[in-house]
Amino acid sequence: MYEFIKGTLIEKNPSYVVLENNGIGYLVNISLNTFSKIKEQKDAKLFIHFYVREDAQVLFGFFDETERELFRYLLSVSGVGASTARLILSSLSTEELYSAITQGQPSVLQTVKGVGGKTAQRIVIDLKDKLTKAEIKTEKVDFSHNTLKDEALSGLMVLGFNKTSAEKAINRVLQKGLTTNVESLIKEALKVL
């Protein structure tokens, strides 16, 4: 139904943006990968996936078509819903996800909170041949923005984690000194949670 929405970013946070186009504000759910690419922008063009459930109609937006295509492939797997697909794309870059699936590495997918062994194997089994044939072009995502612990905590809370466990995970990651920006901090914290 929607291919893309181009407009002014009225509100931005790690899990959604409000994108204004011709006087209409669209609430668009995004992944951390998309957030990292649009964080400094005032205007954006997001490729849209319109997700319809019994109780809701939700827009998911992606910075590039590759991420949207991977999102759609993930949705085609039995047992993987939109929230899980977005969480996978928030925890892994498009390149990491593509490699994990095409090289048959479900253990990489299991590092994502909420993805168990059976689901990870189902994703690999269902999508390995499809992705290999699709020849999706992937590129490494650059996370180079300096951010704060509070933003990472806010992002995890918006993704549905409780404050206490999210804070503990963030503190563990910070103690290891693995990261200096909000996107990678959230990704590492998701692996700990």
Foldseek 3Di string as FASTA:
>chain_A
DAFKDKAFFPDDAQFWTFGDDPRDTAIAGEANLQCLVCVPPGIAIWGWDFDDDPVDTHIHTHRDVLLVVQLVLQCVQPPRDNLNSRQQCLQDPSVRVLCCQQVVPLVSVCLAPPQDDVNSNSSSVSCNVVSVVVVRDGDDRDRDDADDPVSLLVSVVVSPDDNVLLNVLLVVCVVVVPDGHNSVSNSSSRSVD
